[in-house]
Amino acid sequence: MKVLIVLFGLIVWIGSCSDETEALKAGELEADATWVNMLASDGCSWHFAINSKDTTIFLVPSEASLAKIESSIGKMEGYYVITDVHLKYNLTGARKDVLCGWGHTANYDEIEVLEIRKR
């Protein structure tokens, strides 16, 4: 009986590992993030900020993702906006410039937004 329980546990564990591997292969990432436009306070225009343990990752959506963002969390209006979101995305492999205060530009990794919702 104990052998059957151990074998069943191994089968379940192996099955769950293969699901994680498939998700990683697809490149889909998921995180709590902040949809930010801080241009009015000399920050940067529309981008995502993901807080990690000791760093913040900045990402910018692809042009194709903008309609999905607006339909889920509203129009991109205002010059000082901070919205907490939950984000599913893929990195596109490209980089994109973002307008920042004092005429500065920042260059962030571009993402394709798969799913987004307010937290």
PDB file of N, CA and C in Angstrom:
ATOM      1  N   MET A   1       0.825  -1.195   0.000  1.00  0.00           N
ATOM      2  CA  MET A   1       0.000   0.000   0.000  1.00  0.00           C
ATOM      3  C   MET A   1       0.874   1.266   0.000  1.00  0.00           C
ATOM      4  N   LYS A   2       1.941   1.251   0.828  1.00  0.00           N
ATOM      5  CA  LYS A   2       2.834   2.405   0.882  1.00  0.00           C
ATOM      6  C   LYS A   2       3.519   2.629  -0.459  1.00  0.00           C
ATOM      7  N   VAL A   3       3.834   1.555  -1.149  1.00  0.00           N
ATOM      8  CA  VAL A   3       4.484   1.656  -2.451  1.00  0.00           C
ATOM      9  C   VAL A   3       3.549   2.346  -3.444  1.00  0.00           C
ATOM     10  N   LEU A   4       2.264   2.010  -3.414  1.00  0.00           N
ATOM     11  CA  LEU A   4       1.297   2.643  -4.313  1.00  0.00           C
ATOM     12  C   LEU A   4       1.160   4.135  -4.013  1.00  0.00           C
ATOM     13  N   ILE A   5       1.173   4.494  -2.747  1.00  0.00           N
ATOM     14  CA  ILE A   5       1.071   5.907  -2.375  1.00  0.00           C
ATOM     15  C   ILE A   5       2.298   6.670  -2.874  1.00  0.00           C
ATOM     16  N   VAL A   6       3.482   6.094  -2.694  1.00  0.00           N
ATOM     17  CA  VAL A   6       4.707   6.740  -3.157  1.00  0.00           C
ATOM     18  C   VAL A   6       4.697   6.865  -4.674  1.00  0.00           C
ATOM     19  N   LEU A   7       4.313   5.807  -5.385  1.00  0.00           N
ATOM     20  CA  LEU A   7       4.257   5.860  -6.850  1.00  0.00           C
ATOM     21  C   LEU A   7       3.252   6.895  -7.327  1.00  0.00           C
ATOM     22  N   PHE A   8       2.101   6.947  -6.704  1.00  0.00           N
ATOM     23  CA  PHE A   8       1.089   7.935  -7.085  1.00  0.00           C
ATOM     24  C   PHE A   8       1.629   9.347  -6.843  1.00  0.00           C
ATOM     25  N   GLY A   9       2.299   9.558  -5.724  1.00  0.00           N
ATOM     26  CA  GLY A   9       2.896  10.865  -5.430  1.00  0.00           C
ATOM     27  C   GLY A   9       3.930  11.266  -6.467  1.00  0.00           C
ATOM     28  N   LEU A  10       4.764  10.309  -6.884  1.00  0.00           N
ATOM     29  CA  LEU A  10       5.761  10.591  -7.910  1.00  0.00           C
ATOM     30  C   LEU A  10       5.120  10.943  -9.244  1.00  0.00           C
ATOM     31  N   ILE A  11       4.073  10.231  -9.599  1.00  0.00           N
ATOM     32  CA  ILE A  11       3.376  10.510 -10.861  1.00  0.00           C
ATOM     33  C   ILE A  11       2.798  11.918 -10.846  1.00  0.00           C
ATOM     34  N   VAL A  12       2.169  12.307  -9.738  1.00  0.00           N
ATOM     35  CA  VAL A  12       1.593  13.656  -9.623  1.00  0.00           C
ATOM     36  C   VAL A  12       2.704  14.702  -9.680  1.00  0.00           C
ATOM     37  N   TRP A  13       3.808  14.452  -8.994  1.00  0.00           N
ATOM     38  CA  TRP A  13       4.915  15.399  -8.972  1.00  0.00           C
ATOM     39  C   TRP A  13       5.529  15.564 -10.356  1.00  0.00           C
ATOM     40  N   ILE A  14       5.745  14.476 -11.067  1.00  0.00           N
ATOM     41  CA  ILE A  14       6.306  14.531 -12.416  1.00  0.00           C
ATOM     42  C   ILE A  14       5.355  15.264 -13.355  1.00  0.00           C
ATOM     43  N   GLY A  15       4.052  15.012 -13.229  1.00  0.00           N
ATOM     44  CA  GLY A  15       3.066  15.700 -14.065  1.00  0.00           C
ATOM     45  C   GLY A  15       3.067  17.196 -13.828  1.00  0.00           C
ATOM     46  N   SER A  16       3.209  17.616 -12.574  1.00  0.00           N
ATOM     47  CA  SER A  16       3.222  19.050 -12.292  1.00  0.00           C
ATOM     48  C   SER A  16       4.501  19.695 -12.799  1.00  0.00           C
ATOM     49  N   CYS A  17       5.616  18.985 -12.775  1.00  0.00           N
ATOM     50  CA  CYS A  17       6.877  19.534 -13.298  1.00  0.00           C
ATOM     51  C   CYS A  17       6.807  19.754 -14.799  1.00  0.00           C
ATOM     52  N   SER A  18       6.167  18.874 -15.519  1.00  0.00           N
ATOM     53  CA  SER A  18       6.091  19.042 -16.965  1.00  0.00           C
ATOM     54  C   SER A  18       5.218  20.239 -17.321  1.00  0.00           C
ATOM     55  N   ASP A  19       4.182  20.536 -16.533  1.00  0.00           N
ATOM     56  CA  ASP A  19       3.360  21.716 -16.789  1.00  0.00           C
ATOM     57  C   ASP A  19       4.181  22.987 -16.622  1.00  0.00           C
ATOM     58  N   GLU A  20       5.035  23.043 -15.595  1.00  0.00           N
ATOM     59  CA  GLU A  20       5.868  24.215 -15.386  1.00  0.00           C
ATOM     60  C   GLU A  20       6.859  24.379 -16.528  1.00  0.00           C
ATOM     61  N   THR A  21       7.405  23.294 -17.007  1.00  0.00           N
ATOM     62  CA  THR A  21       8.358  23.348 -18.107  1.00  0.00           C
ATOM     63  C   THR A  21       7.692  23.884 -19.362  1.00  0.00           C
ATOM     64  N   GLU A  22       6.470  23.461 -19.638  1.00  0.00           N
ATOM     65  CA  GLU A  22       5.752  23.957 -20.813  1.00  0.00           C
ATOM     66  C   GLU A  22       5.497  25.441 -20.698  1.00  0.00           C
ATOM     67  N   ALA A  23       5.125  25.924 -19.506  1.00  0.00           N
ATOM     68  CA  ALA A  23       4.892  27.353 -19.322  1.00  0.00           C
ATOM     69  C   ALA A  23       6.175  28.138 -19.525  1.00  0.00           C
ATOM     70  N   LEU A  24       7.302  27.599 -19.042  1.00  0.00           N
ATOM     71  CA  LEU A  24       8.569  28.291 -19.228  1.00  0.00           C
ATOM     72  C   LEU A  24       8.984  28.308 -20.696  1.00  0.00           C
ATOM     73  N   LYS A  25       8.727  27.219 -21.404  1.00  0.00           N
ATOM     74  CA  LYS A  25       9.060  27.167 -22.822  1.00  0.00           C
ATOM     75  C   LYS A  25       8.269  28.203 -23.601  1.00  0.00           C
ATOM     76  N   ALA A  26       7.022  28.403 -23.219  1.00  0.00           N
ATOM     77  CA  ALA A  26       6.182  29.370 -23.916  1.00  0.00           C
ATOM     78  C   ALA A  26       6.671  30.799 -23.663  1.00  0.00           C
ATOM     79  N   GLY A  27       7.467  31.006 -22.607  1.00  0.00           N
ATOM     80  CA  GLY A  27       7.993  32.330 -22.320  1.00  0.00           C
ATOM     81  C   GLY A  27       7.021  33.225 -21.590  1.00  0.00           C
ATOM     82  N   GLU A  28       5.902  32.702 -21.156  1.00  0.00           N
ATOM     83  CA  GLU A  28       4.902  33.507 -20.466  1.00  0.00           C
ATOM     84  C   GLU A  28       5.353  33.785 -19.040  1.00  0.00           C
ATOM     85  N   LEU A  29       5.339  35.050 -18.673  1.00  0.00           N
ATOM     86  CA  LEU A  29       5.717  35.477 -17.332  1.00  0.00           C
ATOM     87  C   LEU A  29       4.512  36.127 -16.672  1.00  0.00           C
ATOM     88  N   GLU A  30       4.521  36.146 -15.358  1.00  0.00           N
ATOM     89  CA  GLU A  30       3.400  36.695 -14.607  1.00  0.00           C
ATOM     90  C   GLU A  30       3.946  37.439 -13.397  1.00  0.00           C
ATOM     91  N   ALA A  31       3.389  38.627 -13.116  1.00  0.00           N
ATOM     92  CA  ALA A  31       3.884  39.414 -11.984  1.00  0.00           C
ATOM     93  C   ALA A  31       2.865  40.466 -11.575  1.00  0.00           C
ATOM     94  N   ASP A  32       2.944  40.874 -10.320  1.00  0.00           N
ATOM     95  CA  ASP A  32       2.254  42.072  -9.883  1.00  0.00           C
ATOM     96  C   ASP A  32       3.131  43.237 -10.299  1.00  0.00           C
ATOM     97  N   ALA A  33       2.519  44.245 -10.873  1.00  0.00           N
ATOM     98  CA  ALA A  33       3.293  45.369 -11.403  1.00  0.00           C
ATOM     99  C   ALA A  33       2.542  46.669 -11.144  1.00  0.00           C
ATOM    100  N   THR A  34       3.169  47.759 -11.513  1.00  0.00           N
ATOM    101  CA  THR A  34       2.547  49.074 -11.455  1.00  0.00           C
ATOM    102  C   THR A  34       2.608  49.680 -12.843  1.00  0.00           C
ATOM    103  N   TRP A  35       1.464  50.129 -13.342  1.00  0.00           N
ATOM    104  CA  TRP A  35       1.360  50.821 -14.631  1.00  0.00           C
ATOM    105  C   TRP A  35       1.565  52.293 -14.299  1.00  0.00           C
ATOM    106  N   VAL A  36       2.638  52.875 -14.808  1.00  0.00           N
ATOM    107  CA  VAL A  36       3.099  54.166 -14.322  1.00  0.00           C
ATOM    108  C   VAL A  36       3.265  55.178 -15.447  1.00  0.00           C
ATOM    109  N   ASN A  37       2.860  56.417 -15.160  1.00  0.00           N
ATOM    110  CA  ASN A  37       3.231  57.573 -15.962  1.00  0.00           C
ATOM    111  C   ASN A  37       3.585  58.665 -14.966  1.00  0.00           C
ATOM    112  N   MET A  38       4.865  58.957 -14.828  1.00  0.00           N
ATOM    113  CA  MET A  38       5.325  59.957 -13.865  1.00  0.00           C
ATOM    114  C   MET A  38       6.023  61.111 -14.577  1.00  0.00           C
ATOM    115  N   LEU A  39       5.618  61.359 -15.808  1.00  0.00           N
ATOM    116  CA  LEU A  39       6.255  62.402 -16.611  1.00  0.00           C
ATOM    117  C   LEU A  39       6.119  63.773 -15.945  1.00  0.00           C
ATOM    118  N   ALA A  40       4.997  64.029 -15.277  1.00  0.00           N
ATOM    119  CA  ALA A  40       4.765  65.325 -14.646  1.00  0.00           C
ATOM    120  C   ALA A  40       5.721  65.584 -13.476  1.00  0.00           C
ATOM    121  N   SER A  41       6.272  64.533 -12.898  1.00  0.00           N
ATOM    122  CA  SER A  41       7.198  64.715 -11.777  1.00  0.00           C
ATOM    123  C   SER A  41       8.632  64.390 -12.199  1.00  0.00           C
ATOM    124  N   ASP A  42       8.930  64.633 -13.469  1.00  0.00           N
ATOM    125  CA  ASP A  42      10.248  64.395 -14.057  1.00  0.00           C
ATOM    126  C   ASP A  42      10.640  62.926 -14.059  1.00  0.00           C
ATOM    127  N   GLY A  43       9.640  62.048 -14.008  1.00  0.00           N
ATOM    128  CA  GLY A  43       9.877  60.618 -14.173  1.00  0.00           C
ATOM    129  C   GLY A  43       9.718  60.269 -15.639  1.00  0.00           C
ATOM    130  N   CYS A  44       9.319  59.031 -15.904  1.00  0.00           N
ATOM    131  CA  CYS A  44       9.165  58.592 -17.292  1.00  0.00           C
ATOM    132  C   CYS A  44       7.703  58.366 -17.632  1.00  0.00           C
ATOM    133  N   SER A  45       7.411  58.435 -18.922  1.00  0.00           N
ATOM    134  CA  SER A  45       6.060  58.235 -19.434  1.00  0.00           C
ATOM    135  C   SER A  45       5.643  56.780 -19.244  1.00  0.00           C
ATOM    136  N   TRP A  46       4.557  56.354 -19.861  1.00  0.00           N
ATOM    137  CA  TRP A  46       3.911  55.073 -19.636  1.00  0.00           C
ATOM    138  C   TRP A  46       4.859  53.870 -19.708  1.00  0.00           C
ATOM    139  N   HIS A  47       4.906  53.122 -18.606  1.00  0.00           N
ATOM    140  CA  HIS A  47       5.707  51.900 -18.528  1.00  0.00           C
ATOM    141  C   HIS A  47       5.222  51.065 -17.339  1.00  0.00           C
ATOM    142  N   PHE A  48       5.709  49.846 -17.250  1.00  0.00           N
ATOM    143  CA  PHE A  48       5.424  48.986 -16.112  1.00  0.00           C
ATOM    144  C   PHE A  48       6.644  48.948 -15.213  1.00  0.00           C
ATOM    145  N   ALA A  49       6.406  48.929 -13.899  1.00  0.00           N
ATOM    146  CA  ALA A  49       7.472  48.756 -12.916  1.00  0.00           C
ATOM    147  C   ALA A  49       7.146  47.503 -12.113  1.00  0.00           C
ATOM    148  N   ILE A  50       8.076  46.574 -12.074  1.00  0.00           N
ATOM    149  CA  ILE A  50       7.908  45.344 -11.308  1.00  0.00           C
ATOM    150  C   ILE A  50       8.971  45.351 -10.219  1.00  0.00           C
ATOM    151  N   ASN A  51       8.513  45.371  -8.967  1.00  0.00           N
ATOM    152  CA  ASN A  51       9.450  45.369  -7.842  1.00  0.00           C
ATOM    153  C   ASN A  51       9.872  43.952  -7.534  1.00  0.00           C
ATOM    154  N   SER A  52      11.175  43.736  -7.559  1.00  0.00           N
ATOM    155  CA  SER A  52      11.757  42.460  -7.211  1.00  0.00           C
ATOM    156  C   SER A  52      12.348  42.612  -5.808  1.00  0.00           C
ATOM    157  N   LYS A  53      13.071  41.628  -5.347  1.00  0.00           N
ATOM    158  CA  LYS A  53      13.607  41.673  -3.983  1.00  0.00           C
ATOM    159  C   LYS A  53      14.376  42.956  -3.699  1.00  0.00           C
ATOM    160  N   ASP A  54      15.372  43.244  -4.499  1.00  0.00           N
ATOM    161  CA  ASP A  54      16.198  44.417  -4.243  1.00  0.00           C
ATOM    162  C   ASP A  54      16.396  45.292  -5.478  1.00  0.00           C
ATOM    163  N   THR A  55      15.512  45.134  -6.451  1.00  0.00           N
ATOM    164  CA  THR A  55      15.622  45.933  -7.669  1.00  0.00           C
ATOM    165  C   THR A  55      14.227  46.151  -8.261  1.00  0.00           C
ATOM    166  N   THR A  56      14.129  47.091  -9.161  1.00  0.00           N
ATOM    167  CA  THR A  56      12.886  47.337  -9.889  1.00  0.00           C
ATOM    168  C   THR A  56      13.160  47.126 -11.368  1.00  0.00           C
ATOM    169  N   ILE A  57      12.292  46.356 -12.010  1.00  0.00           N
ATOM    170  CA  ILE A  57      12.415  46.078 -13.436  1.00  0.00           C
ATOM    171  C   ILE A  57      11.422  46.964 -14.169  1.00  0.00           C
ATOM    172  N   PHE A  58      11.885  47.662 -15.194  1.00  0.00           N
ATOM    173  CA  PHE A  58      11.024  48.525 -15.985  1.00  0.00           C
ATOM    174  C   PHE A  58      10.798  47.889 -17.346  1.00  0.00           C
ATOM    175  N   LEU A  59       9.538  47.845 -17.768  1.00  0.00           N
ATOM    176  CA  LEU A  59       9.161  47.252 -19.047  1.00  0.00           C
ATOM    177  C   LEU A  59       8.208  48.185 -19.765  1.00  0.00           C
ATOM    178  N   VAL A  60       8.198  48.121 -21.076  1.00  0.00           N
ATOM    179  CA  VAL A  60       7.308  48.961 -21.872  1.00  0.00           C
ATOM    180  C   VAL A  60       6.503  48.064 -22.812  1.00  0.00           C
ATOM    181  N   PRO A  61       5.192  48.333 -22.931  1.00  0.00           N
ATOM    182  CA  PRO A  61       4.372  47.473 -23.793  1.00  0.00           C
ATOM    183  C   PRO A  61       4.596  47.746 -25.274  1.00  0.00           C
ATOM    184  N   SER A  62       4.383  46.708 -26.062  1.00  0.00           N
ATOM    185  CA  SER A  62       4.451  46.862 -27.519  1.00  0.00           C
ATOM    186  C   SER A  62       3.249  47.683 -27.986  1.00  0.00           C
ATOM    187  N   GLU A  63       3.339  48.213 -29.181  1.00  0.00           N
ATOM    188  CA  GLU A  63       2.221  48.986 -29.748  1.00  0.00           C
ATOM    189  C   GLU A  63       0.951  48.133 -29.814  1.00  0.00           C
ATOM    190  N   ALA A  64       1.103  46.854 -30.140  1.00  0.00           N
ATOM    191  CA  ALA A  64      -0.050  45.961 -30.240  1.00  0.00           C
ATOM    192  C   ALA A  64      -0.724  45.738 -28.885  1.00  0.00           C
ATOM    193  N   SER A  65       0.001  45.932 -27.783  1.00  0.00           N
ATOM    194  CA  SER A  65      -0.544  45.697 -26.441  1.00  0.00           C
ATOM    195  C   SER A  65      -1.341  46.882 -25.899  1.00  0.00           C
ATOM    196  N   LEU A  66      -1.161  48.055 -26.480  1.00  0.00           N
ATOM    197  CA  LEU A  66      -1.795  49.259 -25.934  1.00  0.00           C
ATOM    198  C   LEU A  66      -3.318  49.171 -25.914  1.00  0.00           C
ATOM    199  N   ALA A  67      -3.922  48.612 -26.949  1.00  0.00           N
ATOM    200  CA  ALA A  67      -5.383  48.493 -26.987  1.00  0.00           C
ATOM    201  C   ALA A  67      -5.881  47.564 -25.879  1.00  0.00           C
ATOM    202  N   LYS A  68      -5.162  46.490 -25.630  1.00  0.00           N
ATOM    203  CA  LYS A  68      -5.539  45.554 -24.566  1.00  0.00           C
ATOM    204  C   LYS A  68      -5.449  46.232 -23.200  1.00  0.00           C
ATOM    205  N   ILE A  69      -4.421  47.038 -23.001  1.00  0.00           N
ATOM    206  CA  ILE A  69      -4.248  47.751 -21.735  1.00  0.00           C
ATOM    207  C   ILE A  69      -5.380  48.738 -21.530  1.00  0.00           C
ATOM    208  N   GLU A  70      -5.677  49.526 -22.554  1.00  0.00           N
ATOM    209  CA  GLU A  70      -6.742  50.524 -22.435  1.00  0.00           C
ATOM    210  C   GLU A  70      -8.105  49.882 -22.222  1.00  0.00           C
ATOM    211  N   SER A  71      -8.371  48.758 -22.856  1.00  0.00           N
ATOM    212  CA  SER A  71      -9.678  48.119 -22.672  1.00  0.00           C
ATOM    213  C   SER A  71      -9.809  47.496 -21.283  1.00  0.00           C
ATOM    214  N   SER A  72      -8.701  47.128 -20.670  1.00  0.00           N
ATOM    215  CA  SER A  72      -8.755  46.491 -19.351  1.00  0.00           C
ATOM    216  C   SER A  72      -8.680  47.469 -18.189  1.00  0.00           C
ATOM    217  N   ILE A  73      -7.855  48.509 -18.309  1.00  0.00           N
ATOM    218  CA  ILE A  73      -7.688  49.398 -17.154  1.00  0.00           C
ATOM    219  C   ILE A  73      -7.978  50.865 -17.439  1.00  0.00           C
ATOM    220  N   GLY A  74      -8.376  51.200 -18.640  1.00  0.00           N
ATOM    221  CA  GLY A  74      -8.781  52.565 -18.948  1.00  0.00           C
ATOM    222  C   GLY A  74      -7.809  53.291 -19.860  1.00  0.00           C
ATOM    223  N   LYS A  75      -8.262  54.455 -20.321  1.00  0.00           N
ATOM    224  CA  LYS A  75      -7.477  55.290 -21.245  1.00  0.00           C
ATOM    225  C   LYS A  75      -6.169  55.733 -20.611  1.00  0.00           C
ATOM    226  N   MET A  76      -5.187  55.923 -21.447  1.00  0.00           N
ATOM    227  CA  MET A  76      -3.886  56.404 -20.997  1.00  0.00           C
ATOM    228  C   MET A  76      -3.929  57.932 -21.010  1.00  0.00           C
ATOM    229  N   GLU A  77      -4.533  58.488 -19.966  1.00  0.00           N
ATOM    230  CA  GLU A  77      -4.672  59.935 -19.846  1.00  0.00           C
ATOM    231  C   GLU A  77      -4.005  60.393 -18.562  1.00  0.00           C
ATOM    232  N   GLY A  78      -3.505  61.588 -18.555  1.00  0.00           N
ATOM    233  CA  GLY A  78      -2.871  62.150 -17.379  1.00  0.00           C
ATOM    234  C   GLY A  78      -1.353  62.029 -17.456  1.00  0.00           C
ATOM    235  N   TYR A  79      -0.712  62.863 -16.643  1.00  0.00           N
ATOM    236  CA  TYR A  79       0.742  62.884 -16.640  1.00  0.00           C
ATOM    237  C   TYR A  79       1.324  62.408 -15.320  1.00  0.00           C
ATOM    238  N   TYR A  80       0.456  62.008 -14.389  1.00  0.00           N
ATOM    239  CA  TYR A  80       0.913  61.442 -13.134  1.00  0.00           C
ATOM    240  C   TYR A  80      -0.098  60.373 -12.739  1.00  0.00           C
ATOM    241  N   VAL A  81       0.181  59.133 -13.132  1.00  0.00           N
ATOM    242  CA  VAL A  81      -0.744  58.024 -12.921  1.00  0.00           C
ATOM    243  C   VAL A  81       0.034  56.831 -12.381  1.00  0.00           C
ATOM    244  N   ILE A  82      -0.513  56.210 -11.337  1.00  0.00           N
ATOM    245  CA  ILE A  82       0.064  54.984 -10.781  1.00  0.00           C
ATOM    246  C   ILE A  82      -1.093  54.019 -10.552  1.00  0.00           C
ATOM    247  N   THR A  83      -1.090  52.882 -11.256  1.00  0.00           N
ATOM    248  CA  THR A  83      -2.154  51.886 -11.148  1.00  0.00           C
ATOM    249  C   THR A  83      -1.534  50.524 -10.884  1.00  0.00           C
ATOM    250  N   ASP A  84      -1.942  49.881  -9.786  1.00  0.00           N
ATOM    251  CA  ASP A  84      -1.461  48.542  -9.471  1.00  0.00           C
ATOM    252  C   ASP A  84      -2.194  47.527 -10.337  1.00  0.00           C
ATOM    253  N   VAL A  85      -1.446  46.641 -10.982  1.00  0.00           N
ATOM    254  CA  VAL A  85      -2.023  45.659 -11.900  1.00  0.00           C
ATOM    255  C   VAL A  85      -1.396  44.289 -11.680  1.00  0.00           C
ATOM    256  N   HIS A  86      -2.084  43.279 -12.176  1.00  0.00           N
ATOM    257  CA  HIS A  86      -1.502  41.941 -12.288  1.00  0.00           C
ATOM    258  C   HIS A  86      -1.326  41.692 -13.774  1.00  0.00           C
ATOM    259  N   LEU A  87      -0.161  41.215 -14.163  1.00  0.00           N
ATOM    260  CA  LEU A  87       0.240  41.203 -15.553  1.00  0.00           C
ATOM    261  C   LEU A  87       0.738  39.826 -15.971  1.00  0.00           C
ATOM    262  N   LYS A  88       0.259  39.347 -17.120  1.00  0.00           N
ATOM    263  CA  LYS A  88       0.832  38.182 -17.786  1.00  0.00           C
ATOM    264  C   LYS A  88       1.404  38.700 -19.100  1.00  0.00           C
ATOM    265  N   TYR A  89       2.648  38.320 -19.399  1.00  0.00           N
ATOM    266  CA  TYR A  89       3.310  38.908 -20.566  1.00  0.00           C
ATOM    267  C   TYR A  89       4.397  37.999 -21.109  1.00  0.00           C
ATOM    268  N   ASN A  90       4.829  38.328 -22.308  1.00  0.00           N
ATOM    269  CA  ASN A  90       5.995  37.715 -22.956  1.00  0.00           C
ATOM    270  C   ASN A  90       6.968  38.827 -23.303  1.00  0.00           C
ATOM    271  N   LEU A  91       8.241  38.569 -23.119  1.00  0.00           N
ATOM    272  CA  LEU A  91       9.255  39.497 -23.608  1.00  0.00           C
ATOM    273  C   LEU A  91       9.330  39.364 -25.127  1.00  0.00           C
ATOM    274  N   THR A  92       9.422  40.481 -25.830  1.00  0.00           N
ATOM    275  CA  THR A  92       9.503  40.423 -27.292  1.00  0.00           C
ATOM    276  C   THR A  92      10.943  40.284 -27.781  1.00  0.00           C
ATOM    277  N   GLY A  93      11.906  40.593 -26.925  1.00  0.00           N
ATOM    278  CA  GLY A  93      13.306  40.570 -27.332  1.00  0.00           C
ATOM    279  C   GLY A  93      13.773  41.921 -27.863  1.00  0.00           C
ATOM    280  N   ALA A  94      12.836  42.854 -28.017  1.00  0.00           N
ATOM    281  CA  ALA A  94      13.181  44.191 -28.502  1.00  0.00           C
ATOM    282  C   ALA A  94      13.297  45.151 -27.316  1.00  0.00           C
ATOM    283  N   ARG A  95      13.838  46.315 -27.586  1.00  0.00           N
ATOM    284  CA  ARG A  95      13.900  47.384 -26.588  1.00  0.00           C
ATOM    285  C   ARG A  95      13.200  48.602 -27.179  1.00  0.00           C
ATOM    286  N   LYS A  96      12.700  49.453 -26.302  1.00  0.00           N
ATOM    287  CA  LYS A  96      11.906  50.581 -26.765  1.00  0.00           C
ATOM    288  C   LYS A  96      12.223  51.810 -25.911  1.00  0.00           C
ATOM    289  N   ASP A  97      12.291  52.981 -26.536  1.00  0.00           N
ATOM    290  CA  ASP A  97      12.546  54.223 -25.813  1.00  0.00           C
ATOM    291  C   ASP A  97      11.269  54.741 -25.167  1.00  0.00           C
ATOM    292  N   VAL A  98      11.434  55.338 -23.983  1.00  0.00           N
ATOM    293  CA  VAL A  98      10.336  55.942 -23.239  1.00  0.00           C
ATOM    294  C   VAL A  98      10.755  57.376 -22.912  1.00  0.00           C
ATOM    295  N   LEU A  99       9.874  58.334 -23.168  1.00  0.00           N
ATOM    296  CA  LEU A  99      10.148  59.736 -22.878  1.00  0.00           C
ATOM    297  C   LEU A  99      10.142  59.964 -21.373  1.00  0.00           C
ATOM    298  N   CYS A 100      11.165  60.654 -20.901  1.00  0.00           N
ATOM    299  CA  CYS A 100      11.271  60.979 -19.478  1.00  0.00           C
ATOM    300  C   CYS A 100      11.431  62.494 -19.325  1.00  0.00           C
ATOM    301  N   GLY A 101      11.394  62.947 -18.092  1.00  0.00           N
ATOM    302  CA  GLY A 101      11.497  64.373 -17.814  1.00  0.00           C
ATOM    303  C   GLY A 101      12.815  64.977 -18.259  1.00  0.00           C
ATOM    304  N   TRP A 102      12.805  66.289 -18.479  1.00  0.00           N
ATOM    305  CA  TRP A 102      13.965  67.053 -18.905  1.00  0.00           C
ATOM    306  C   TRP A 102      14.523  66.583 -20.242  1.00  0.00           C
ATOM    307  N   GLY A 103      13.660  66.025 -21.099  1.00  0.00           N
ATOM    308  CA  GLY A 103      14.063  65.627 -22.438  1.00  0.00           C
ATOM    309  C   GLY A 103      14.878  64.345 -22.489  1.00  0.00           C
ATOM    310  N   HIS A 104      14.980  63.668 -21.379  1.00  0.00           N
ATOM    311  CA  HIS A 104      15.734  62.415 -21.300  1.00  0.00           C
ATOM    312  C   HIS A 104      14.884  61.270 -21.857  1.00  0.00           C
ATOM    313  N   THR A 105      15.504  60.244 -22.397  1.00  0.00           N
ATOM    314  CA  THR A 105      14.790  59.025 -22.786  1.00  0.00           C
ATOM    315  C   THR A 105      15.437  57.836 -22.083  1.00  0.00           C
ATOM    316  N   ALA A 106      14.596  56.888 -21.713  1.00  0.00           N
ATOM    317  CA  ALA A 106      15.073  55.637 -21.127  1.00  0.00           C
ATOM    318  C   ALA A 106      14.777  54.527 -22.134  1.00  0.00           C
ATOM    319  N   ASN A 107      15.567  53.482 -22.097  1.00  0.00           N
ATOM    320  CA  ASN A 107      15.400  52.374 -23.024  1.00  0.00           C
ATOM    321  C   ASN A 107      15.104  51.116 -22.217  1.00  0.00           C
ATOM    322  N   TYR A 108      13.863  50.605 -22.343  1.00  0.00           N
ATOM    323  CA  TYR A 108      13.407  49.460 -21.556  1.00  0.00           C
ATOM    324  C   TYR A 108      13.110  48.272 -22.461  1.00  0.00           C
ATOM    325  N   ASP A 109      13.101  47.077 -21.857  1.00  0.00           N
ATOM    326  CA  ASP A 109      12.697  45.878 -22.578  1.00  0.00           C
ATOM    327  C   ASP A 109      11.224  45.986 -22.953  1.00  0.00           C
ATOM    328  N   GLU A 110      10.899  45.545 -24.167  1.00  0.00           N
ATOM    329  CA  GLU A 110       9.528  45.583 -24.660  1.00  0.00           C
ATOM    330  C   GLU A 110       8.836  44.258 -24.348  1.00  0.00           C
ATOM    331  N   ILE A 111       7.536  44.345 -24.016  1.00  0.00           N
ATOM    332  CA  ILE A 111       6.753  43.144 -23.734  1.00  0.00           C
ATOM    333  C   ILE A 111       5.465  43.132 -24.545  1.00  0.00           C
ATOM    334  N   GLU A 112       4.960  41.931 -24.751  1.00  0.00           N
ATOM    335  CA  GLU A 112       3.626  41.743 -25.311  1.00  0.00           C
ATOM    336  C   GLU A 112       2.730  41.397 -24.131  1.00  0.00           C
ATOM    337  N   VAL A 113       1.727  42.215 -23.879  1.00  0.00           N
ATOM    338  CA  VAL A 113       0.805  41.978 -22.764  1.00  0.00           C
ATOM    339  C   VAL A 113      -0.205  40.926 -23.193  1.00  0.00           C
ATOM    340  N   LEU A 114      -0.241  39.819 -22.462  1.00  0.00           N
ATOM    341  CA  LEU A 114      -1.194  38.744 -22.739  1.00  0.00           C
ATOM    342  C   LEU A 114      -2.481  38.933 -21.963  1.00  0.00           C
ATOM    343  N   GLU A 115      -2.340  39.406 -20.726  1.00  0.00           N
ATOM    344  CA  GLU A 115      -3.500  39.610 -19.860  1.00  0.00           C
ATOM    345  C   GLU A 115      -3.124  40.651 -18.817  1.00  0.00           C
ATOM    346  N   ILE A 116      -4.075  41.532 -18.492  1.00  0.00           N
ATOM    347  CA  ILE A 116      -3.825  42.554 -17.484  1.00  0.00           C
ATOM    348  C   ILE A 116      -5.132  42.843 -16.760  1.00  0.00           C
ATOM    349  N   ARG A 117      -5.019  43.042 -15.440  1.00  0.00           N
ATOM    350  CA  ARG A 117      -6.188  43.433 -14.649  1.00  0.00           C
ATOM    351  C   ARG A 117      -5.733  44.252 -13.462  1.00  0.00           C
ATOM    352  N   LYS A 118      -6.618  45.132 -12.992  1.00  0.00           N
ATOM    353  CA  LYS A 118      -6.300  45.957 -11.825  1.00  0.00           C
ATOM    354  C   LYS A 118      -6.259  45.082 -10.587  1.00  0.00           C
ATOM    355  N   ARG A 119      -5.368  45.453  -9.667  1.00  0.00           N
ATOM    356  CA  ARG A 119      -5.317  44.770  -8.375  1.00  0.00           C
ATOM    357  C   ARG A 119      -6.098  45.563  -7.367  1.00  0.00           C
TER     358      ARG A 119
END
